[in-house]
Amino acid sequence: MTNCVTGEHGVWLQAVQAVMILSIIFSFLSLFLFFCQLFTLQKGGRFFLTGAFQIFASLFVMSGAIIYTVMNGEWVHPSDSYGFAYILAWVAFPLALISGLIYVILRKRE
């Protein structure tokens, strides 16, 4: 029973889960807004709203990864590794940020 997590660690873990879930929600909203704007936006218009939601999603991923990085040392043995999900979060952050910036720059064509 030495590996049990106490209540004080659960708070920041829930914060990490919350911001990661928010990033997923914002990513899906970004996709939905893209399809809506694709059919309703005037020719030459930019996908600002879609890009903003995607950038927010990337910032939520970054926030969750930072919280996990800072607080991880308190309850994980130093010889343990972070794992694949942690690496995936840090890979997803710049990809989502670049995607959001591309949406902001993108113009609708005919």
PDB file of N, CA and C in Angstrom:
ATOM      1  N   MET A   1       0.805  -1.205   0.000  1.00  0.00           N
ATOM      2  CA  MET A   1       0.000   0.000   0.000  1.00  0.00           C
ATOM      3  C   MET A   1       0.849   1.270   0.000  1.00  0.00           C
ATOM      4  N   THR A   2       2.102   1.174  -0.313  1.00  0.00           N
ATOM      5  CA  THR A   2       2.951   2.362  -0.323  1.00  0.00           C
ATOM      6  C   THR A   2       2.781   3.174  -1.600  1.00  0.00           C
ATOM      7  N   ASN A   3       2.135   2.634  -2.619  1.00  0.00           N
ATOM      8  CA  ASN A   3       1.972   3.344  -3.886  1.00  0.00           C
ATOM      9  C   ASN A   3       0.640   4.061  -4.003  1.00  0.00           C
ATOM     10  N   CYS A   4      -0.120   4.148  -2.931  1.00  0.00           N
ATOM     11  CA  CYS A   4      -1.417   4.821  -2.976  1.00  0.00           C
ATOM     12  C   CYS A   4      -1.220   6.326  -3.079  1.00  0.00           C
ATOM     13  N   VAL A   5      -2.071   6.968  -3.857  1.00  0.00           N
ATOM     14  CA  VAL A   5      -2.004   8.411  -4.044  1.00  0.00           C
ATOM     15  C   VAL A   5      -2.898   9.074  -3.007  1.00  0.00           C
ATOM     16  N   THR A   6      -2.351  10.053  -2.300  1.00  0.00           N
ATOM     17  CA  THR A   6      -3.138  10.750  -1.288  1.00  0.00           C
ATOM     18  C   THR A   6      -4.041  11.783  -1.942  1.00  0.00           C
ATOM     19  N   GLY A   7      -4.931  12.366  -1.160  1.00  0.00           N
ATOM     20  CA  GLY A   7      -5.901  13.320  -1.682  1.00  0.00           C
ATOM     21  C   GLY A   7      -5.292  14.590  -2.225  1.00  0.00           C
ATOM     22  N   GLU A   8      -4.168  15.020  -1.676  1.00  0.00           N
ATOM     23  CA  GLU A   8      -3.561  16.264  -2.134  1.00  0.00           C
ATOM     24  C   GLU A   8      -3.003  16.153  -3.548  1.00  0.00           C
ATOM     25  N   HIS A   9      -2.645  14.954  -3.970  1.00  0.00           N
ATOM     26  CA  HIS A   9      -2.145  14.775  -5.337  1.00  0.00           C
ATOM     27  C   HIS A   9      -3.294  14.721  -6.333  1.00  0.00           C
ATOM     28  N   GLY A  10      -4.458  14.331  -5.886  1.00  0.00           N
ATOM     29  CA  GLY A  10      -5.597  14.207  -6.782  1.00  0.00           C
ATOM     30  C   GLY A  10      -6.071  15.525  -7.351  1.00  0.00           C
ATOM     31  N   VAL A  11      -5.826  16.619  -6.634  1.00  0.00           N
ATOM     32  CA  VAL A  11      -6.304  17.926  -7.085  1.00  0.00           C
ATOM     33  C   VAL A  11      -5.603  18.344  -8.369  1.00  0.00           C
ATOM     34  N   TRP A  12      -4.285  18.258  -8.398  1.00  0.00           N
ATOM     35  CA  TRP A  12      -3.588  18.697  -9.607  1.00  0.00           C
ATOM     36  C   TRP A  12      -3.755  17.696 -10.739  1.00  0.00           C
ATOM     37  N   LEU A  13      -3.928  16.420 -10.405  1.00  0.00           N
ATOM     38  CA  LEU A  13      -4.207  15.447 -11.467  1.00  0.00           C
ATOM     39  C   LEU A  13      -5.553  15.734 -12.127  1.00  0.00           C
ATOM     40  N   GLN A  14      -6.523  16.129 -11.328  1.00  0.00           N
ATOM     41  CA  GLN A  14      -7.825  16.500 -11.895  1.00  0.00           C
ATOM     42  C   GLN A  14      -7.717  17.767 -12.725  1.00  0.00           C
ATOM     43  N   ALA A  15      -6.837  18.688 -12.329  1.00  0.00           N
ATOM     44  CA  ALA A  15      -6.614  19.899 -13.126  1.00  0.00           C
ATOM     45  C   ALA A  15      -6.012  19.544 -14.480  1.00  0.00           C
ATOM     46  N   VAL A  16      -5.068  18.611 -14.492  1.00  0.00           N
ATOM     47  CA  VAL A  16      -4.467  18.163 -15.750  1.00  0.00           C
ATOM     48  C   VAL A  16      -5.523  17.501 -16.628  1.00  0.00           C
ATOM     49  N   GLN A  17      -6.338  16.637 -16.026  1.00  0.00           N
ATOM     50  CA  GLN A  17      -7.407  15.982 -16.789  1.00  0.00           C
ATOM     51  C   GLN A  17      -8.391  17.003 -17.335  1.00  0.00           C
ATOM     52  N   ALA A  18      -8.711  18.020 -16.530  1.00  0.00           N
ATOM     53  CA  ALA A  18      -9.685  19.034 -16.955  1.00  0.00           C
ATOM     54  C   ALA A  18      -9.180  19.832 -18.154  1.00  0.00           C
ATOM     55  N   VAL A  19      -7.929  20.278 -18.112  1.00  0.00           N
ATOM     56  CA  VAL A  19      -7.437  21.076 -19.240  1.00  0.00           C
ATOM     57  C   VAL A  19      -7.235  20.215 -20.484  1.00  0.00           C
ATOM     58  N   MET A  20      -6.902  18.948 -20.308  1.00  0.00           N
ATOM     59  CA  MET A  20      -6.789  18.066 -21.478  1.00  0.00           C
ATOM     60  C   MET A  20      -8.159  17.810 -22.106  1.00  0.00           C
ATOM     61  N   ILE A  21      -9.175  17.636 -21.278  1.00  0.00           N
ATOM     62  CA  ILE A  21     -10.531  17.468 -21.806  1.00  0.00           C
ATOM     63  C   ILE A  21     -10.994  18.756 -22.482  1.00  0.00           C
ATOM     64  N   LEU A  22     -10.662  19.906 -21.898  1.00  0.00           N
ATOM     65  CA  LEU A  22     -10.981  21.180 -22.545  1.00  0.00           C
ATOM     66  C   LEU A  22     -10.292  21.299 -23.900  1.00  0.00           C
ATOM     67  N   SER A  23      -9.076  20.820 -24.003  1.00  0.00           N
ATOM     68  CA  SER A  23      -8.382  20.887 -25.296  1.00  0.00           C
ATOM     69  C   SER A  23      -9.066  20.009 -26.335  1.00  0.00           C
ATOM     70  N   ILE A  24      -9.557  18.856 -25.919  1.00  0.00           N
ATOM     71  CA  ILE A  24     -10.287  17.988 -26.850  1.00  0.00           C
ATOM     72  C   ILE A  24     -11.587  18.654 -27.290  1.00  0.00           C
ATOM     73  N   ILE A  25     -12.296  19.253 -26.345  1.00  0.00           N
ATOM     74  CA  ILE A  25     -13.550  19.945 -26.668  1.00  0.00           C
ATOM     75  C   ILE A  25     -13.291  21.093 -27.634  1.00  0.00           C
ATOM     76  N   PHE A  26     -12.255  21.887 -27.363  1.00  0.00           N
ATOM     77  CA  PHE A  26     -11.952  23.013 -28.247  1.00  0.00           C
ATOM     78  C   PHE A  26     -11.498  22.538 -29.628  1.00  0.00           C
ATOM     79  N   SER A  27     -10.812  21.417 -29.694  1.00  0.00           N
ATOM     80  CA  SER A  27     -10.407  20.875 -30.995  1.00  0.00           C
ATOM     81  C   SER A  27     -11.619  20.448 -31.817  1.00  0.00           C
ATOM     82  N   PHE A  28     -12.568  19.759 -31.168  1.00  0.00           N
ATOM     83  CA  PHE A  28     -13.779  19.363 -31.885  1.00  0.00           C
ATOM     84  C   PHE A  28     -14.623  20.570 -32.272  1.00  0.00           C
ATOM     85  N   LEU A  29     -14.695  21.573 -31.384  1.00  0.00           N
ATOM     86  CA  LEU A  29     -15.417  22.798 -31.743  1.00  0.00           C
ATOM     87  C   LEU A  29     -14.740  23.500 -32.916  1.00  0.00           C
ATOM     88  N   SER A  30     -13.427  23.468 -32.947  1.00  0.00           N
ATOM     89  CA  SER A  30     -12.685  24.057 -34.057  1.00  0.00           C
ATOM     90  C   SER A  30     -13.012  23.354 -35.361  1.00  0.00           C
ATOM     91  N   LEU A  31     -13.062  22.036 -35.333  1.00  0.00           N
ATOM     92  CA  LEU A  31     -13.419  21.278 -36.531  1.00  0.00           C
ATOM     93  C   LEU A  31     -14.839  21.590 -36.975  1.00  0.00           C
ATOM     94  N   PHE A  32     -15.768  21.635 -36.028  1.00  0.00           N
ATOM     95  CA  PHE A  32     -17.160  21.955 -36.339  1.00  0.00           C
ATOM     96  C   PHE A  32     -17.284  23.371 -36.909  1.00  0.00           C
ATOM     97  N   LEU A  33     -16.584  24.330 -36.287  1.00  0.00           N
ATOM     98  CA  LEU A  33     -16.621  25.703 -36.791  1.00  0.00           C
ATOM     99  C   LEU A  33     -15.998  25.812 -38.177  1.00  0.00           C
ATOM    100  N   PHE A  34     -14.975  25.016 -38.440  1.00  0.00           N
ATOM    101  CA  PHE A  34     -14.371  25.035 -39.768  1.00  0.00           C
ATOM    102  C   PHE A  34     -15.391  24.632 -40.822  1.00  0.00           C
ATOM    103  N   PHE A  35     -16.131  23.547 -40.559  1.00  0.00           N
ATOM    104  CA  PHE A  35     -17.128  23.115 -41.540  1.00  0.00           C
ATOM    105  C   PHE A  35     -18.250  24.143 -41.673  1.00  0.00           C
ATOM    106  N   CYS A  36     -18.646  24.747 -40.564  1.00  0.00           N
ATOM    107  CA  CYS A  36     -19.683  25.790 -40.635  1.00  0.00           C
ATOM    108  C   CYS A  36     -19.190  26.990 -41.433  1.00  0.00           C
ATOM    109  N   GLN A  37     -17.965  27.428 -41.152  1.00  0.00           N
ATOM    110  CA  GLN A  37     -17.429  28.578 -41.869  1.00  0.00           C
ATOM    111  C   GLN A  37     -17.118  28.244 -43.320  1.00  0.00           C
ATOM    112  N   LEU A  38     -16.836  27.017 -43.599  1.00  0.00           N
ATOM    113  CA  LEU A  38     -16.541  26.607 -44.967  1.00  0.00           C
ATOM    114  C   LEU A  38     -17.733  26.849 -45.881  1.00  0.00           C
ATOM    115  N   PHE A  39     -18.938  26.655 -45.339  1.00  0.00           N
ATOM    116  CA  PHE A  39     -20.145  26.822 -46.154  1.00  0.00           C
ATOM    117  C   PHE A  39     -20.798  28.190 -46.004  1.00  0.00           C
ATOM    118  N   THR A  40     -20.447  28.955 -44.967  1.00  0.00           N
ATOM    119  CA  THR A  40     -21.116  30.241 -44.750  1.00  0.00           C
ATOM    120  C   THR A  40     -20.214  31.447 -44.952  1.00  0.00           C
ATOM    121  N   LEU A  41     -18.904  31.258 -44.954  1.00  0.00           N
ATOM    122  CA  LEU A  41     -17.968  32.370 -45.056  1.00  0.00           C
ATOM    123  C   LEU A  41     -17.935  32.928 -46.474  1.00  0.00           C
ATOM    124  N   GLN A  42     -17.803  34.239 -46.567  1.00  0.00           N
ATOM    125  CA  GLN A  42     -17.693  34.893 -47.865  1.00  0.00           C
ATOM    126  C   GLN A  42     -16.360  34.527 -48.520  1.00  0.00           C
ATOM    127  N   LYS A  43     -16.313  34.629 -49.847  1.00  0.00           N
ATOM    128  CA  LYS A  43     -15.075  34.355 -50.579  1.00  0.00           C
ATOM    129  C   LYS A  43     -14.005  35.348 -50.132  1.00  0.00           C
ATOM    130  N   GLY A  44     -12.819  34.843 -49.830  1.00  0.00           N
ATOM    131  CA  GLY A  44     -11.720  35.680 -49.364  1.00  0.00           C
ATOM    132  C   GLY A  44     -11.699  35.878 -47.860  1.00  0.00           C
ATOM    133  N   GLY A  45     -12.696  35.356 -47.160  1.00  0.00           N
ATOM    134  CA  GLY A  45     -12.746  35.498 -45.710  1.00  0.00           C
ATOM    135  C   GLY A  45     -11.737  34.592 -45.028  1.00  0.00           C
ATOM    136  N   ARG A  46     -11.387  34.966 -43.819  1.00  0.00           N
ATOM    137  CA  ARG A  46     -10.420  34.178 -43.050  1.00  0.00           C
ATOM    138  C   ARG A  46     -11.129  33.393 -41.953  1.00  0.00           C
ATOM    139  N   PHE A  47     -10.524  32.303 -41.557  1.00  0.00           N
ATOM    140  CA  PHE A  47     -11.093  31.411 -40.542  1.00  0.00           C
ATOM    141  C   PHE A  47     -10.580  31.799 -39.152  1.00  0.00           C
ATOM    142  N   PHE A  48     -10.858  33.045 -38.730  1.00  0.00           N
ATOM    143  CA  PHE A  48     -10.346  33.537 -37.457  1.00  0.00           C
ATOM    144  C   PHE A  48     -10.888  32.756 -36.271  1.00  0.00           C
ATOM    145  N   LEU A  49     -12.184  32.518 -36.249  1.00  0.00           N
ATOM    146  CA  LEU A  49     -12.798  31.830 -35.116  1.00  0.00           C
ATOM    147  C   LEU A  49     -12.285  30.395 -34.996  1.00  0.00           C
ATOM    148  N   THR A  50     -12.167  29.725 -36.112  1.00  0.00           N
ATOM    149  CA  THR A  50     -11.637  28.360 -36.119  1.00  0.00           C
ATOM    150  C   THR A  50     -10.203  28.344 -35.609  1.00  0.00           C
ATOM    151  N   GLY A  51      -9.394  29.274 -36.083  1.00  0.00           N
ATOM    152  CA  GLY A  51      -8.005  29.356 -35.646  1.00  0.00           C
ATOM    153  C   GLY A  51      -7.875  29.688 -34.175  1.00  0.00           C
ATOM    154  N   ALA A  52      -8.742  30.569 -33.683  1.00  0.00           N
ATOM    155  CA  ALA A  52      -8.699  30.935 -32.256  1.00  0.00           C
ATOM    156  C   ALA A  52      -9.011  29.723 -31.381  1.00  0.00           C
ATOM    157  N   PHE A  53     -10.019  28.950 -31.759  1.00  0.00           N
ATOM    158  CA  PHE A  53     -10.366  27.769 -30.968  1.00  0.00           C
ATOM    159  C   PHE A  53      -9.237  26.741 -31.003  1.00  0.00           C
ATOM    160  N   GLN A  54      -8.575  26.601 -32.139  1.00  0.00           N
ATOM    161  CA  GLN A  54      -7.472  25.651 -32.240  1.00  0.00           C
ATOM    162  C   GLN A  54      -6.273  26.121 -31.413  1.00  0.00           C
ATOM    163  N   ILE A  55      -6.011  27.411 -31.408  1.00  0.00           N
ATOM    164  CA  ILE A  55      -4.919  27.951 -30.594  1.00  0.00           C
ATOM    165  C   ILE A  55      -5.225  27.772 -29.114  1.00  0.00           C
ATOM    166  N   PHE A  56      -6.492  27.997 -28.716  1.00  0.00           N
ATOM    167  CA  PHE A  56      -6.873  27.751 -27.318  1.00  0.00           C
ATOM    168  C   PHE A  56      -6.670  26.284 -26.954  1.00  0.00           C
ATOM    169  N   ALA A  57      -7.002  25.387 -27.861  1.00  0.00           N
ATOM    170  CA  ALA A  57      -6.801  23.956 -27.611  1.00  0.00           C
ATOM    171  C   ALA A  57      -5.320  23.657 -27.384  1.00  0.00           C
ATOM    172  N   SER A  58      -4.459  24.261 -28.186  1.00  0.00           N
ATOM    173  CA  SER A  58      -3.025  24.021 -28.002  1.00  0.00           C
ATOM    174  C   SER A  58      -2.532  24.590 -26.678  1.00  0.00           C
ATOM    175  N   LEU A  59      -3.052  25.735 -26.264  1.00  0.00           N
ATOM    176  CA  LEU A  59      -2.650  26.310 -24.980  1.00  0.00           C
ATOM    177  C   LEU A  59      -3.128  25.458 -23.809  1.00  0.00           C
ATOM    178  N   PHE A  60      -4.301  24.834 -23.940  1.00  0.00           N
ATOM    179  CA  PHE A  60      -4.765  23.925 -22.894  1.00  0.00           C
ATOM    180  C   PHE A  60      -3.878  22.690 -22.798  1.00  0.00           C
ATOM    181  N   VAL A  61      -3.445  22.166 -23.939  1.00  0.00           N
ATOM    182  CA  VAL A  61      -2.522  21.017 -23.924  1.00  0.00           C
ATOM    183  C   VAL A  61      -1.214  21.409 -23.248  1.00  0.00           C
ATOM    184  N   MET A  62      -0.702  22.588 -23.590  1.00  0.00           N
ATOM    185  CA  MET A  62       0.532  23.054 -22.981  1.00  0.00           C
ATOM    186  C   MET A  62       0.370  23.231 -21.471  1.00  0.00           C
ATOM    187  N   SER A  63      -0.746  23.783 -21.046  1.00  0.00           N
ATOM    188  CA  SER A  63      -0.990  23.989 -19.620  1.00  0.00           C
ATOM    189  C   SER A  63      -1.024  22.672 -18.865  1.00  0.00           C
ATOM    190  N   GLY A  64      -1.721  21.698 -19.420  1.00  0.00           N
ATOM    191  CA  GLY A  64      -1.784  20.387 -18.774  1.00  0.00           C
ATOM    192  C   GLY A  64      -0.421  19.724 -18.690  1.00  0.00           C
ATOM    193  N   ALA A  65       0.365  19.822 -19.749  1.00  0.00           N
ATOM    194  CA  ALA A  65       1.701  19.217 -19.745  1.00  0.00           C
ATOM    195  C   ALA A  65       2.625  19.927 -18.761  1.00  0.00           C
ATOM    196  N   ILE A  66       2.491  21.231 -18.648  1.00  0.00           N
ATOM    197  CA  ILE A  66       3.328  21.974 -17.697  1.00  0.00           C
ATOM    198  C   ILE A  66       2.961  21.626 -16.261  1.00  0.00           C
ATOM    199  N   ILE A  67       1.673  21.573 -15.967  1.00  0.00           N
ATOM    200  CA  ILE A  67       1.245  21.204 -14.609  1.00  0.00           C
ATOM    201  C   ILE A  67       1.761  19.810 -14.269  1.00  0.00           C
ATOM    202  N   TYR A  68       1.634  18.883 -15.199  1.00  0.00           N
ATOM    203  CA  TYR A  68       2.103  17.523 -14.956  1.00  0.00           C
ATOM    204  C   TYR A  68       3.616  17.486 -14.766  1.00  0.00           C
ATOM    205  N   THR A  69       4.351  18.266 -15.543  1.00  0.00           N
ATOM    206  CA  THR A  69       5.805  18.297 -15.433  1.00  0.00           C
ATOM    207  C   THR A  69       6.245  18.816 -14.071  1.00  0.00           C
ATOM    208  N   VAL A  70       5.616  19.889 -13.628  1.00  0.00           N
ATOM    209  CA  VAL A  70       6.009  20.515 -12.369  1.00  0.00           C
ATOM    210  C   VAL A  70       5.652  19.635 -11.174  1.00  0.00           C
ATOM    211  N   MET A  71       4.468  19.047 -11.192  1.00  0.00           N
ATOM    212  CA  MET A  71       3.981  18.300 -10.035  1.00  0.00           C
ATOM    213  C   MET A  71       4.366  16.826 -10.049  1.00  0.00           C
ATOM    214  N   ASN A  72       4.878  16.317 -11.133  1.00  0.00           N
ATOM    215  CA  ASN A  72       5.186  14.896 -11.267  1.00  0.00           C
ATOM    216  C   ASN A  72       6.260  14.437 -10.286  1.00  0.00           C
ATOM    217  N   GLY A  73       7.231  15.277  -9.994  1.00  0.00           N
ATOM    218  CA  GLY A  73       8.325  14.900  -9.118  1.00  0.00           C
ATOM    219  C   GLY A  73       7.913  14.600  -7.685  1.00  0.00           C
ATOM    220  N   GLU A  74       6.740  15.059  -7.274  1.00  0.00           N
ATOM    221  CA  GLU A  74       6.291  14.855  -5.901  1.00  0.00           C
ATOM    222  C   GLU A  74       5.812  13.438  -5.619  1.00  0.00           C
ATOM    223  N   TRP A  75       5.356  12.732  -6.632  1.00  0.00           N
ATOM    224  CA  TRP A  75       4.750  11.427  -6.349  1.00  0.00           C
ATOM    225  C   TRP A  75       5.286  10.291  -7.203  1.00  0.00           C
ATOM    226  N   VAL A  76       6.182  10.585  -8.141  1.00  0.00           N
ATOM    227  CA  VAL A  76       6.766   9.535  -8.978  1.00  0.00           C
ATOM    228  C   VAL A  76       8.243   9.401  -8.621  1.00  0.00           C
ATOM    229  N   HIS A  77       8.713   8.189  -8.569  1.00  0.00           N
ATOM    230  CA  HIS A  77      10.123   7.941  -8.269  1.00  0.00           C
ATOM    231  C   HIS A  77      10.983   8.537  -9.376  1.00  0.00           C
ATOM    232  N   PRO A  78      12.106   9.157  -9.027  1.00  0.00           N
ATOM    233  CA  PRO A  78      12.949   9.818 -10.045  1.00  0.00           C
ATOM    234  C   PRO A  78      13.456   8.893 -11.150  1.00  0.00           C
ATOM    235  N   SER A  79      13.562   7.597 -10.879  1.00  0.00           N
ATOM    236  CA  SER A  79      14.054   6.690 -11.914  1.00  0.00           C
ATOM    237  C   SER A  79      12.977   6.303 -12.926  1.00  0.00           C
ATOM    238  N   ASP A  80      11.713   6.596 -12.644  1.00  0.00           N
ATOM    239  CA  ASP A  80      10.625   6.276 -13.574  1.00  0.00           C
ATOM    240  C   ASP A  80      10.593   7.276 -14.725  1.00  0.00           C
ATOM    241  N   SER A  81      10.113   6.823 -15.877  1.00  0.00           N
ATOM    242  CA  SER A  81      10.015   7.712 -17.034  1.00  0.00           C
ATOM    243  C   SER A  81       8.621   8.337 -17.090  1.00  0.00           C
ATOM    244  N   TYR A  82       8.476   9.338 -17.934  1.00  0.00           N
ATOM    245  CA  TYR A  82       7.200  10.030 -18.057  1.00  0.00           C
ATOM    246  C   TYR A  82       6.166   9.209 -18.819  1.00  0.00           C
ATOM    247  N   GLY A  83       6.557   8.515 -19.830  1.00  0.00           N
ATOM    248  CA  GLY A  83       5.628   7.698 -20.593  1.00  0.00           C
ATOM    249  C   GLY A  83       5.288   8.310 -21.940  1.00  0.00           C
ATOM    250  N   PHE A  84       4.581   7.507 -22.740  1.00  0.00           N
ATOM    251  CA  PHE A  84       4.275   7.917 -24.109  1.00  0.00           C
ATOM    252  C   PHE A  84       3.209   9.012 -24.178  1.00  0.00           C
ATOM    253  N   ALA A  85       2.249   9.000 -23.274  1.00  0.00           N
ATOM    254  CA  ALA A  85       1.196  10.018 -23.300  1.00  0.00           C
ATOM    255  C   ALA A  85       1.767  11.409 -23.030  1.00  0.00           C
ATOM    256  N   TYR A  86       2.749  11.475 -22.164  1.00  0.00           N
ATOM    257  CA  TYR A  86       3.401  12.746 -21.865  1.00  0.00           C
ATOM    258  C   TYR A  86       4.124  13.280 -23.104  1.00  0.00           C
ATOM    259  N   ILE A  87       4.840  12.409 -23.787  1.00  0.00           N
ATOM    260  CA  ILE A  87       5.543  12.799 -25.011  1.00  0.00           C
ATOM    261  C   ILE A  87       4.537  13.206 -26.086  1.00  0.00           C
ATOM    262  N   LEU A  88       3.447  12.466 -26.180  1.00  0.00           N
ATOM    263  CA  LEU A  88       2.410  12.789 -27.151  1.00  0.00           C
ATOM    264  C   LEU A  88       1.792  14.158 -26.891  1.00  0.00           C
ATOM    265  N   ALA A  89       1.629  14.519 -25.621  1.00  0.00           N
ATOM    266  CA  ALA A  89       1.090  15.839 -25.286  1.00  0.00           C
ATOM    267  C   ALA A  89       2.033  16.940 -25.751  1.00  0.00           C
ATOM    268  N   TRP A  90       3.336  16.764 -25.546  1.00  0.00           N
ATOM    269  CA  TRP A  90       4.282  17.785 -25.987  1.00  0.00           C
ATOM    270  C   TRP A  90       4.424  17.827 -27.507  1.00  0.00           C
ATOM    271  N   VAL A  91       4.141  16.734 -28.183  1.00  0.00           N
ATOM    272  CA  VAL A  91       4.138  16.746 -29.649  1.00  0.00           C
ATOM    273  C   VAL A  91       2.851  17.396 -30.157  1.00  0.00           C
ATOM    274  N   ALA A  92       1.737  17.152 -29.465  1.00  0.00           N
ATOM    275  CA  ALA A  92       0.448  17.697 -29.888  1.00  0.00           C
ATOM    276  C   ALA A  92       0.383  19.214 -29.726  1.00  0.00           C
ATOM    277  N   PHE A  93       1.080  19.747 -28.733  1.00  0.00           N
ATOM    278  CA  PHE A  93       1.024  21.198 -28.507  1.00  0.00           C
ATOM    279  C   PHE A  93       1.499  22.006 -29.715  1.00  0.00           C
ATOM    280  N   PRO A  94       2.726  21.799 -30.225  1.00  0.00           N
ATOM    281  CA  PRO A  94       3.120  22.627 -31.371  1.00  0.00           C
ATOM    282  C   PRO A  94       2.325  22.325 -32.636  1.00  0.00           C
ATOM    283  N   LEU A  95       1.899  21.075 -32.797  1.00  0.00           N
ATOM    284  CA  LEU A  95       1.102  20.755 -33.983  1.00  0.00           C
ATOM    285  C   LEU A  95      -0.240  21.482 -33.957  1.00  0.00           C
ATOM    286  N   ALA A  96      -0.886  21.520 -32.799  1.00  0.00           N
ATOM    287  CA  ALA A  96      -2.162  22.240 -32.691  1.00  0.00           C
ATOM    288  C   ALA A  96      -1.958  23.745 -32.840  1.00  0.00           C
ATOM    289  N   LEU A  97      -0.858  24.252 -32.304  1.00  0.00           N
ATOM    290  CA  LEU A  97      -0.573  25.683 -32.435  1.00  0.00           C
ATOM    291  C   LEU A  97      -0.329  26.057 -33.893  1.00  0.00           C
ATOM    292  N   ILE A  98       0.448  25.265 -34.595  1.00  0.00           N
ATOM    293  CA  ILE A  98       0.703  25.514 -36.014  1.00  0.00           C
ATOM    294  C   ILE A  98      -0.592  25.407 -36.815  1.00  0.00           C
ATOM    295  N   SER A  99      -1.414  24.428 -36.474  1.00  0.00           N
ATOM    296  CA  SER A  99      -2.700  24.270 -37.159  1.00  0.00           C
ATOM    297  C   SER A  99      -3.585  25.501 -36.947  1.00  0.00           C
ATOM    298  N   GLY A 100      -3.617  26.007 -35.724  1.00  0.00           N
ATOM    299  CA  GLY A 100      -4.403  27.213 -35.444  1.00  0.00           C
ATOM    300  C   GLY A 100      -3.890  28.418 -36.209  1.00  0.00           C
ATOM    301  N   LEU A 101      -2.573  28.563 -36.284  1.00  0.00           N
ATOM    302  CA  LEU A 101      -2.008  29.692 -37.023  1.00  0.00           C
ATOM    303  C   LEU A 101      -2.290  29.568 -38.513  1.00  0.00           C
ATOM    304  N   ILE A 102      -2.268  28.365 -39.030  1.00  0.00           N
ATOM    305  CA  ILE A 102      -2.598  28.158 -40.447  1.00  0.00           C
ATOM    306  C   ILE A 102      -4.060  28.509 -40.705  1.00  0.00           C
ATOM    307  N   TYR A 103      -4.954  28.144 -39.768  1.00  0.00           N
ATOM    308  CA  TYR A 103      -6.372  28.511 -39.913  1.00  0.00           C
ATOM    309  C   TYR A 103      -6.545  30.027 -39.957  1.00  0.00           C
ATOM    310  N   VAL A 104      -5.796  30.761 -39.127  1.00  0.00           N
ATOM    311  CA  VAL A 104      -5.906  32.216 -39.093  1.00  0.00           C
ATOM    312  C   VAL A 104      -5.422  32.812 -40.418  1.00  0.00           C
ATOM    313  N   ILE A 105      -4.372  32.255 -40.989  1.00  0.00           N
ATOM    314  CA  ILE A 105      -3.814  32.771 -42.238  1.00  0.00           C
ATOM    315  C   ILE A 105      -4.656  32.344 -43.444  1.00  0.00           C
ATOM    316  N   LEU A 106      -5.295  31.185 -43.347  1.00  0.00           N
ATOM    317  CA  LEU A 106      -6.026  30.600 -44.465  1.00  0.00           C
ATOM    318  C   LEU A 106      -7.180  31.495 -44.924  1.00  0.00           C
ATOM    319  N   ARG A 107      -7.325  31.611 -46.216  1.00  0.00           N
ATOM    320  CA  ARG A 107      -8.455  32.341 -46.826  1.00  0.00           C
ATOM    321  C   ARG A 107      -9.327  31.367 -47.586  1.00  0.00           C
ATOM    322  N   LYS A 108     -10.624  31.661 -47.605  1.00  0.00           N
ATOM    323  CA  LYS A 108     -11.548  30.798 -48.341  1.00  0.00           C
ATOM    324  C   LYS A 108     -11.469  31.127 -49.827  1.00  0.00           C
ATOM    325  N   ARG A 109     -11.333  30.086 -50.616  1.00  0.00           N
ATOM    326  CA  ARG A 109     -11.337  30.242 -52.070  1.00  0.00           C
ATOM    327  C   ARG A 109     -12.669  29.784 -52.621  1.00  0.00           C
ATOM    328  N   GLU A 110     -12.845  30.017 -53.877  1.00  0.00           N
ATOM    329  CA  GLU A 110     -14.076  29.607 -54.541  1.00  0.00           C
ATOM    330  C   GLU A 110     -14.134  28.133 -54.798  1.00  0.00           C
TER     331      GLU A 110
END
